[in-house]
């Protein structure tokens, strides 16, 4: 298995742990092998190897014991050496890491996942082969012409040779006469139900008129066993339909109201209950905010003036220092320009601008400096 996909290798280890019925959580074990801490990584690594070779399959454990590999009570290094030796000699698998590299808590984790996945697959395959061989070995073949003593089984087991001879001598019951051709499919025809006909008359006849029911309430119909007076039917007549002037004709005009009446209704002349008045609260003196603000403003202005004066002094000192430095620094030419030495003319008169210069003998070096 190639490296470069550790997540896929961890998922493969998880599936193989589930296939061999790992007694612990397979997902957690794969995560510990892939991204666990150093201590949990080594613990899970040794636990998986121990279960795979010694606890999962009785056939694999017997092969480990027959190989004279005592894996119980050994140190981690001795245990890993024994596992790698068994994989090389009996499983034909050569791990790509040494025992020291395999027990590294932080390195070669993807290589370890690949080795664990390969070992799990080989051990599962060896277990299946040994289990199949044991089943074949434990099978008892009984000839068909011999009946076992005692209880007769419901189905007698024949040897493979007898079964082959029996197939050659007899024709199977399922084989038809048409030499192995497929049996024609059964065709089921469904007959539709008989149609139902409805006879309608040639001439359409109108339905009979329903009987006219008499009204329940009739003024002319007397009620038996009741004494009543003559009712004025004009009272029950319906009102005429409304007209634009229907309201004015049926309802009298409202009388105009006077302002005095409205004033009397709103403001009664006498009050039997004295109205409640809010208690008069003494006025509170307003805080002298303006004075406090003026004091704060004066203090702030004085502080700002002090800061400004300090800053201006600092800048003045800085300018003085810069002036001194500029005076001390001599002008330099370009670094790429060669220095030109002045050409001295022989027998040239020496001139000086100094007034009252004193000449000494022997002359000092400063006397030969060009002015």
Protein backbone atom coordinates (compact mmCIF):
# COMPACT_ATOMS: atom_id res chain seq x y z
CA UNK A 1 0.00 0.00 0.00
CA UNK A 2 1.40 3.38 -0.98
CA UNK A 3 1.80 6.27 1.42
CA UNK A 4 0.27 9.71 1.05
CA UNK A 5 -3.30 8.98 2.17
CA UNK A 6 -3.19 8.40 5.92
CA UNK A 7 -6.93 8.95 6.34
CA UNK A 8 -7.76 6.18 3.87
CA UNK A 9 -5.27 3.83 5.56
CA UNK A 10 -6.84 4.55 8.96
CA UNK A 11 -10.31 3.82 7.53
CA UNK A 12 -9.03 0.51 6.15
CA UNK A 13 -7.62 -0.44 9.57
CA UNK A 14 -10.98 0.42 11.15
CA UNK A 15 -12.89 -1.83 8.72
CA UNK A 16 -10.51 -4.74 9.28
CA UNK A 17 -10.77 -4.36 13.07
CA UNK A 18 -14.54 -4.58 12.74
CA UNK A 19 -14.16 -7.68 10.54
CA UNK A 20 -12.09 -9.56 13.14
CA UNK A 21 -14.53 -8.52 15.93
CA UNK A 22 -12.14 -6.29 17.85
CA UNK A 23 -13.49 -6.15 21.44
CA UNK A 24 -12.91 -2.38 21.73
CA UNK A 25 -14.27 0.50 19.68
CA UNK A 26 -12.74 0.18 16.21
CA UNK A 27 -13.27 3.86 15.32
CA UNK A 28 -11.53 5.06 18.48
CA UNK A 29 -8.70 2.59 17.96
CA UNK A 30 -8.12 3.83 14.39
CA UNK A 31 -8.13 7.45 15.57
CA UNK A 32 -5.62 6.63 18.32
CA UNK A 33 -3.33 4.95 15.79
CA UNK A 34 -3.65 7.91 13.40
CA UNK A 35 -3.82 11.05 15.57
CA UNK A 36 -3.55 9.91 19.19
CA UNK A 37 -1.07 11.08 21.79
CA UNK A 38 2.28 9.22 21.99
CA UNK A 39 1.25 7.16 25.04
CA UNK A 40 -2.21 6.24 23.71
CA UNK A 41 -0.75 5.51 20.25
CA UNK A 42 1.74 2.93 21.56
CA UNK A 43 -0.83 1.41 23.91
CA UNK A 44 -3.37 0.90 21.11
CA UNK A 45 -0.67 -0.39 18.74
CA UNK A 46 0.46 -3.16 21.10
CA UNK A 47 -3.14 -4.00 22.06
CA UNK A 48 -4.12 -4.53 18.40
CA UNK A 49 -1.09 -6.76 17.74
CA UNK A 50 -1.72 -8.83 20.88
CA UNK A 51 -5.38 -9.41 20.02
CA UNK A 52 -4.64 -10.20 16.37
CA UNK A 53 -2.04 -12.91 17.00
CA UNK A 54 -3.02 -14.36 20.39
CA UNK A 55 -6.72 -13.74 21.08
CA UNK A 56 -8.59 -13.57 17.77
CA UNK A 57 -7.99 -17.01 16.24
CA UNK A 58 -7.19 -20.28 17.97
CA UNK A 59 -5.55 -21.57 14.80
CA UNK A 60 -3.20 -18.57 14.53
CA UNK A 61 -2.36 -18.81 18.25
CA UNK A 62 -1.48 -22.50 17.79
CA UNK A 63 0.80 -21.58 14.88
CA UNK A 64 2.51 -18.93 17.03
CA UNK A 65 3.03 -21.50 19.79
CA UNK A 66 4.31 -24.10 17.32
CA UNK A 67 6.82 -21.56 15.98
CA UNK A 68 8.40 -21.44 19.48
CA UNK A 69 7.63 -17.73 19.89
CA UNK A 70 6.82 -16.93 23.48
CA UNK A 71 5.06 -13.57 23.16
CA UNK A 72 3.67 -13.49 26.71
CA UNK A 73 5.52 -11.60 29.43
CA UNK A 74 7.99 -9.95 27.08
CA UNK A 75 9.01 -6.33 26.75
CA UNK A 76 7.60 -4.19 23.97
CA UNK A 77 10.73 -4.50 21.84
CA UNK A 78 10.91 -8.31 22.27
CA UNK A 79 7.19 -8.62 21.53
CA UNK A 80 7.45 -6.59 18.29
CA UNK A 81 10.53 -8.60 17.26
CA UNK A 82 8.57 -11.84 17.72
CA UNK A 83 5.60 -10.50 15.73
CA UNK A 84 7.83 -9.43 12.83
CA UNK A 85 9.63 -12.80 12.89
CA UNK A 86 6.31 -14.68 12.72
CA UNK A 87 5.11 -12.47 9.84
CA UNK A 88 8.33 -13.10 7.88
CA UNK A 89 8.63 -16.85 8.45
CA UNK A 90 4.98 -17.99 8.50
CA UNK A 91 2.94 -15.28 6.77
CA UNK A 92 5.47 -14.34 4.09
CA UNK A 93 5.18 -10.64 4.89
CA UNK A 94 8.23 -8.44 5.39
CA UNK A 95 7.48 -5.21 7.30
CA UNK A 96 9.08 -2.03 5.98
CA UNK A 97 10.08 -0.83 9.49
CA UNK A 98 12.35 -2.15 12.18
CA UNK A 99 11.11 -2.82 15.70
CA UNK A 100 12.72 0.41 16.95
CA UNK A 101 11.05 2.46 14.23
CA UNK A 102 7.76 0.67 14.82
CA UNK A 103 7.82 1.61 18.52
CA UNK A 104 8.51 5.29 17.78
CA UNK A 105 5.67 7.26 19.45
CA UNK A 106 5.53 10.13 16.95
CA UNK A 107 7.12 9.00 13.68
CA UNK A 108 6.19 6.60 10.85
CA UNK A 109 2.49 6.59 11.77
CA UNK A 110 1.27 6.06 8.23
CA UNK A 111 3.77 3.22 7.73
CA UNK A 112 2.49 1.64 10.94
CA UNK A 113 -1.10 1.86 9.68
CA UNK A 114 -0.08 0.11 6.47
CA UNK A 115 1.74 -2.67 8.38
CA UNK A 116 -1.21 -3.17 10.75
CA UNK A 117 -3.66 -3.35 7.82
CA UNK A 118 -1.52 -5.93 6.01
CA UNK A 119 -1.10 -8.08 9.14
CA UNK A 120 -4.84 -7.97 9.88
CA UNK A 121 -5.66 -9.08 6.34
CA UNK A 122 -3.13 -11.95 6.40
CA UNK A 123 -4.25 -13.19 9.82
CA UNK A 124 -7.93 -13.11 8.79
CA UNK A 125 -7.08 -15.05 5.62
CA UNK A 126 -5.04 -17.65 7.58
CA UNK A 127 -7.90 -18.06 10.06
CA UNK A 128 -10.44 -18.66 7.26
CA UNK A 129 -8.18 -21.24 5.59
CA UNK A 130 -7.57 -23.13 8.84
CA UNK A 131 -11.26 -23.08 9.69
CA UNK A 132 -12.17 -24.46 6.26
CA UNK A 133 -9.54 -27.19 6.56
CA UNK A 134 -10.87 -28.17 9.98
CA UNK A 135 -14.42 -28.45 8.65
CA UNK A 136 -13.26 -30.69 5.81
CA UNK A 137 -11.23 -32.80 8.23
CA UNK A 138 -14.10 -33.26 10.68
CA UNK A 139 -16.62 -34.24 7.99
CA UNK A 140 -17.59 -37.95 8.13
CA UNK A 141 -18.25 -39.56 4.76
CA UNK A 142 -20.72 -42.44 4.89
CA UNK A 143 -21.32 -44.70 1.85
CA UNK A 144 -24.85 -44.63 0.54
CA UNK A 145 -25.32 -48.44 0.64
CA UNK A 146 -24.39 -48.68 4.32
CA UNK A 147 -26.82 -47.63 6.95
CA UNK A 148 -25.45 -46.42 10.25
CA UNK A 149 -26.48 -48.30 13.36
CA UNK A 150 -29.12 -46.67 15.48
CA UNK A 151 -30.99 -43.63 14.33
CA UNK A 152 -31.06 -43.07 10.55
CA UNK A 153 -30.32 -39.49 9.55
CA UNK A 154 -32.86 -37.68 7.45
CA UNK A 155 -30.29 -37.00 4.72
CA UNK A 156 -27.37 -39.30 4.06
CA UNK A 157 -24.03 -37.75 3.18
CA UNK A 158 -22.22 -39.17 0.18
CA UNK A 159 -18.61 -38.87 -0.79
CA UNK A 160 -17.69 -36.67 -3.76
CA UNK A 161 -16.86 -39.75 -5.88
CA UNK A 162 -20.23 -41.37 -5.20
CA UNK A 163 -22.04 -38.13 -5.94
CA UNK A 164 -20.26 -37.81 -9.30
CA UNK A 165 -21.07 -41.42 -10.27
CA UNK A 166 -24.68 -40.96 -9.23
CA UNK A 167 -25.03 -37.85 -11.41
CA UNK A 168 -23.61 -39.72 -14.42
CA UNK A 169 -25.84 -42.79 -14.01
CA UNK A 170 -29.16 -41.10 -13.33
CA UNK A 171 -31.02 -38.37 -15.14
CA UNK A 172 -31.95 -35.49 -12.90
CA UNK A 173 -35.61 -34.97 -12.28
CA UNK A 174 -35.43 -31.37 -13.40
CA UNK A 175 -34.06 -32.23 -16.87
CA UNK A 176 -36.85 -32.25 -19.49
CA UNK A 177 -37.11 -34.30 -22.68
CA UNK A 178 -36.23 -31.37 -24.95
CA UNK A 179 -32.48 -31.81 -24.27
CA UNK A 180 -31.92 -29.01 -21.86
CA UNK A 181 -34.00 -26.40 -23.63
CA UNK A 182 -35.70 -23.89 -21.48
CA UNK A 183 -39.22 -24.64 -20.43
CA UNK A 184 -41.74 -22.44 -22.25
CA UNK A 185 -43.23 -19.80 -20.09
CA UNK A 186 -46.80 -20.14 -19.00
CA UNK A 187 -49.22 -17.87 -20.81
CA UNK A 188 -52.16 -16.69 -18.76
CA UNK A 189 -54.97 -15.06 -20.71
CA UNK A 190 -57.32 -12.82 -18.85
CA UNK A 191 -60.88 -12.60 -20.23
CA UNK A 192 -62.48 -9.19 -19.80
CA UNK A 193 -65.80 -9.07 -17.93
CA UNK A 194 -69.04 -8.99 -19.93
CA UNK A 195 -70.22 -5.45 -20.71
CA UNK A 196 -73.38 -4.21 -19.08
CA UNK A 197 -75.96 -2.40 -21.18
CA UNK A 198 -78.48 0.21 -20.06
CA UNK A 199 -81.69 0.67 -22.07
CA UNK A 200 -82.92 4.27 -22.31
CA UNK A 201 -86.33 5.32 -23.69
CA UNK A 202 -86.46 6.78 -27.17
CA UNK A 203 -88.46 9.86 -26.21
CA UNK A 204 -87.28 11.97 -23.36
CA UNK A 205 -90.05 12.47 -20.82
CA UNK A 206 -90.03 15.36 -18.41
CA UNK A 207 -90.11 14.45 -14.74
CA UNK A 208 -93.47 14.89 -12.99
CA UNK A 209 -94.09 18.16 -11.23
CA UNK A 210 -93.61 18.00 -7.48
CA UNK A 211 -96.79 18.47 -5.43
CA UNK A 212 -97.43 21.98 -4.27
CA UNK A 213 -97.18 22.21 -0.54
CA UNK A 214 -99.40 24.58 1.31
CA UNK A 215 -97.74 27.24 3.38
CA UNK A 216 -97.51 26.51 7.04
CA UNK A 217 -98.48 30.01 8.17
CA UNK A 218 -101.60 31.37 6.53
CA UNK A 219 -103.75 34.14 7.96
CA UNK A 220 -106.93 32.61 6.60
CA UNK A 221 -106.34 29.16 8.00
CA UNK A 222 -107.80 28.82 11.48
CA UNK A 223 -105.91 26.87 14.10
CA UNK A 224 -107.91 24.16 15.80
CA UNK A 225 -108.39 24.54 19.53
CA UNK A 226 -107.09 28.11 19.65
CA UNK A 227 -108.94 31.30 20.45
CA UNK A 228 -107.48 34.38 18.90
CA UNK A 229 -108.60 37.85 17.90
CA UNK A 230 -108.75 39.30 14.47
CA UNK A 231 -105.27 40.41 13.39
CA UNK A 232 -104.71 43.67 11.59
CA UNK A 233 -102.83 42.60 8.48
CA UNK A 234 -101.86 46.14 7.57
CA UNK A 235 -99.37 46.13 10.41
CA UNK A 236 -97.43 43.29 8.81
CA UNK A 237 -97.11 44.92 5.45
CA UNK A 238 -93.57 45.53 4.28
CA UNK A 239 -92.17 49.03 4.35
CA UNK A 240 -91.76 50.81 1.03
CA UNK A 241 -88.29 50.81 -0.53
CA UNK A 242 -86.03 53.61 0.71
CA UNK A 243 -85.85 56.78 -1.30
CA UNK A 244 -83.37 59.66 -1.15
CA UNK A 245 -85.73 61.49 1.20
CA UNK A 246 -86.78 58.40 3.10
CA UNK A 247 -84.89 59.29 6.27
CA UNK A 248 -86.27 62.85 6.43
CA UNK A 249 -89.82 61.63 5.87
CA UNK A 250 -89.79 58.90 8.54
CA UNK A 251 -87.67 60.50 11.26
CA UNK A 252 -88.20 64.01 12.65
CA UNK A 253 -85.44 66.53 12.36
CA UNK A 254 -83.20 66.88 15.37
CA UNK A 255 -83.46 70.11 17.24
CA UNK A 256 -80.45 72.42 16.99
CA UNK A 257 -78.33 72.45 20.09
CA UNK A 258 -77.22 75.62 21.76
CA UNK A 259 -73.71 76.41 22.89
CA UNK A 260 -74.99 77.02 26.39
CA UNK A 261 -76.26 73.48 26.64
CA UNK A 262 -72.89 72.15 25.47
CA UNK A 263 -71.09 74.32 27.98
CA UNK A 264 -73.42 73.09 30.72
CA UNK A 265 -72.74 69.49 29.80
CA UNK A 266 -68.96 69.97 29.65
CA UNK A 267 -68.52 72.33 32.56
CA UNK A 268 -71.12 71.77 35.29
CA UNK A 269 -72.05 74.80 37.37
CA UNK A 270 -71.59 73.06 40.70
CA UNK A 271 -69.13 70.46 41.83
CA UNK A 272 -70.07 68.46 44.87
CA UNK A 273 -66.57 66.92 45.06
CA UNK A 274 -63.53 69.15 45.43
CA UNK A 275 -61.02 68.37 42.68
CA UNK A 276 -57.69 66.98 43.79
CA UNK A 277 -54.63 69.15 43.34
CA UNK A 278 -51.03 68.04 43.04
CA UNK A 279 -48.86 68.91 46.03
CA UNK A 280 -46.54 71.80 45.47
CA UNK A 281 -42.95 70.61 45.53
CA UNK A 282 -40.24 73.04 46.60
CA UNK A 283 -37.96 74.02 43.75
CA UNK A 284 -34.60 72.31 43.76
CA UNK A 285 -31.52 74.41 43.16
CA UNK A 286 -30.03 73.69 39.78
CA UNK A 287 -26.47 72.40 39.94
CA UNK A 288 -23.85 74.90 39.00
CA UNK A 289 -22.77 73.10 35.85
CA UNK A 290 -21.52 76.15 34.01
CA UNK A 291 -19.04 77.04 36.73
CA UNK A 292 -17.70 73.49 36.85
CA UNK A 293 -17.32 73.46 33.08
CA UNK A 294 -15.49 76.80 33.14
CA UNK A 295 -13.04 75.53 35.78
CA UNK A 296 -12.47 72.34 33.80
CA UNK A 297 -11.88 74.33 30.62
CA UNK A 298 -9.33 76.60 32.31
CA UNK A 299 -7.46 73.62 33.79
CA UNK A 300 -7.41 71.85 30.44
CA UNK A 301 -6.12 74.95 28.64
CA UNK A 302 -3.30 75.40 31.14
CA UNK A 303 -2.26 71.77 30.78
CA UNK A 304 -2.27 72.05 27.01
CA UNK A 305 -0.14 75.22 27.16
CA UNK A 306 2.43 73.47 29.35
CA UNK A 307 2.60 70.50 26.99
CA UNK A 308 2.96 72.80 23.98
CA UNK A 309 5.80 74.73 25.60
CA UNK A 310 7.65 71.50 26.45
CA UNK A 311 7.26 70.21 22.90
CA UNK A 312 8.50 73.49 21.41
CA UNK A 313 11.57 73.41 23.71
CA UNK A 314 12.36 69.87 22.62
CA UNK A 315 12.10 70.83 18.96
CA UNK A 316 14.39 73.84 19.50
CA UNK A 317 17.05 71.65 21.15
CA UNK A 318 16.74 69.16 18.32
CA UNK A 319 17.27 71.89 15.73
CA UNK A 320 20.41 73.09 17.56
CA UNK A 321 21.85 69.58 17.57
CA UNK A 322 21.15 69.17 13.88
CA UNK A 323 22.91 72.47 13.14
CA UNK A 324 26.02 71.35 15.06
CA UNK A 325 26.08 68.01 13.27
CA UNK A 326 25.77 69.66 9.87
CA UNK A 327 28.69 71.94 10.71
CA UNK A 328 30.89 69.01 11.76
CA UNK A 329 30.13 66.79 8.79
CA UNK A 330 32.45 67.51 5.84
CA UNK A 331 31.02 67.39 2.34
CA UNK A 332 31.99 64.21 0.58
CA UNK A 333 32.08 63.58 -3.12
CA UNK A 334 30.54 60.75 -5.00
CA UNK A 335 32.00 57.32 -4.14
CA UNK A 336 32.44 56.57 -7.84
CA UNK A 337 34.44 59.75 -8.49
CA UNK A 338 38.19 59.58 -8.18
CA UNK A 339 39.98 62.15 -6.08
CA UNK A 340 41.91 64.60 -8.20
CA UNK A 341 45.21 65.72 -6.76
CA UNK A 342 45.99 69.37 -7.43
CA UNK A 343 48.86 70.04 -9.82
CA UNK A 344 51.59 72.05 -8.17
CA UNK A 345 53.36 74.54 -10.36
CA UNK A 346 57.07 74.91 -9.72
CA UNK A 347 58.38 78.29 -8.46
CA UNK A 348 54.80 79.49 -7.90
CA UNK A 349 54.32 82.37 -5.55
CA UNK A 350 52.54 81.42 -2.31
CA UNK A 351 49.71 83.74 -1.45
CA UNK A 352 47.83 83.88 1.76
CA UNK A 353 44.83 85.81 2.89
CA UNK A 354 45.90 85.90 6.49
CA UNK A 355 46.74 89.32 7.84
CA UNK A 356 49.91 89.60 9.88
CA UNK A 357 51.00 86.02 9.29
CA UNK A 358 54.14 84.94 11.13
CA UNK A 359 56.62 82.75 9.25
CA UNK A 360 58.85 80.35 11.16
CA UNK A 361 61.73 78.19 10.19
CA UNK A 362 61.61 75.31 9.68
CA UNK A 363 58.08 75.74 8.39
CA UNK A 364 55.30 73.69 9.90
CA UNK A 365 53.23 71.30 7.74
CA UNK A 366 50.30 73.67 7.94
CA UNK A 367 52.26 76.24 5.94
CA UNK A 368 52.14 74.02 2.86
CA UNK A 369 48.35 73.61 3.00
CA UNK A 370 46.51 75.32 0.18
CA UNK A 371 44.32 78.13 1.35
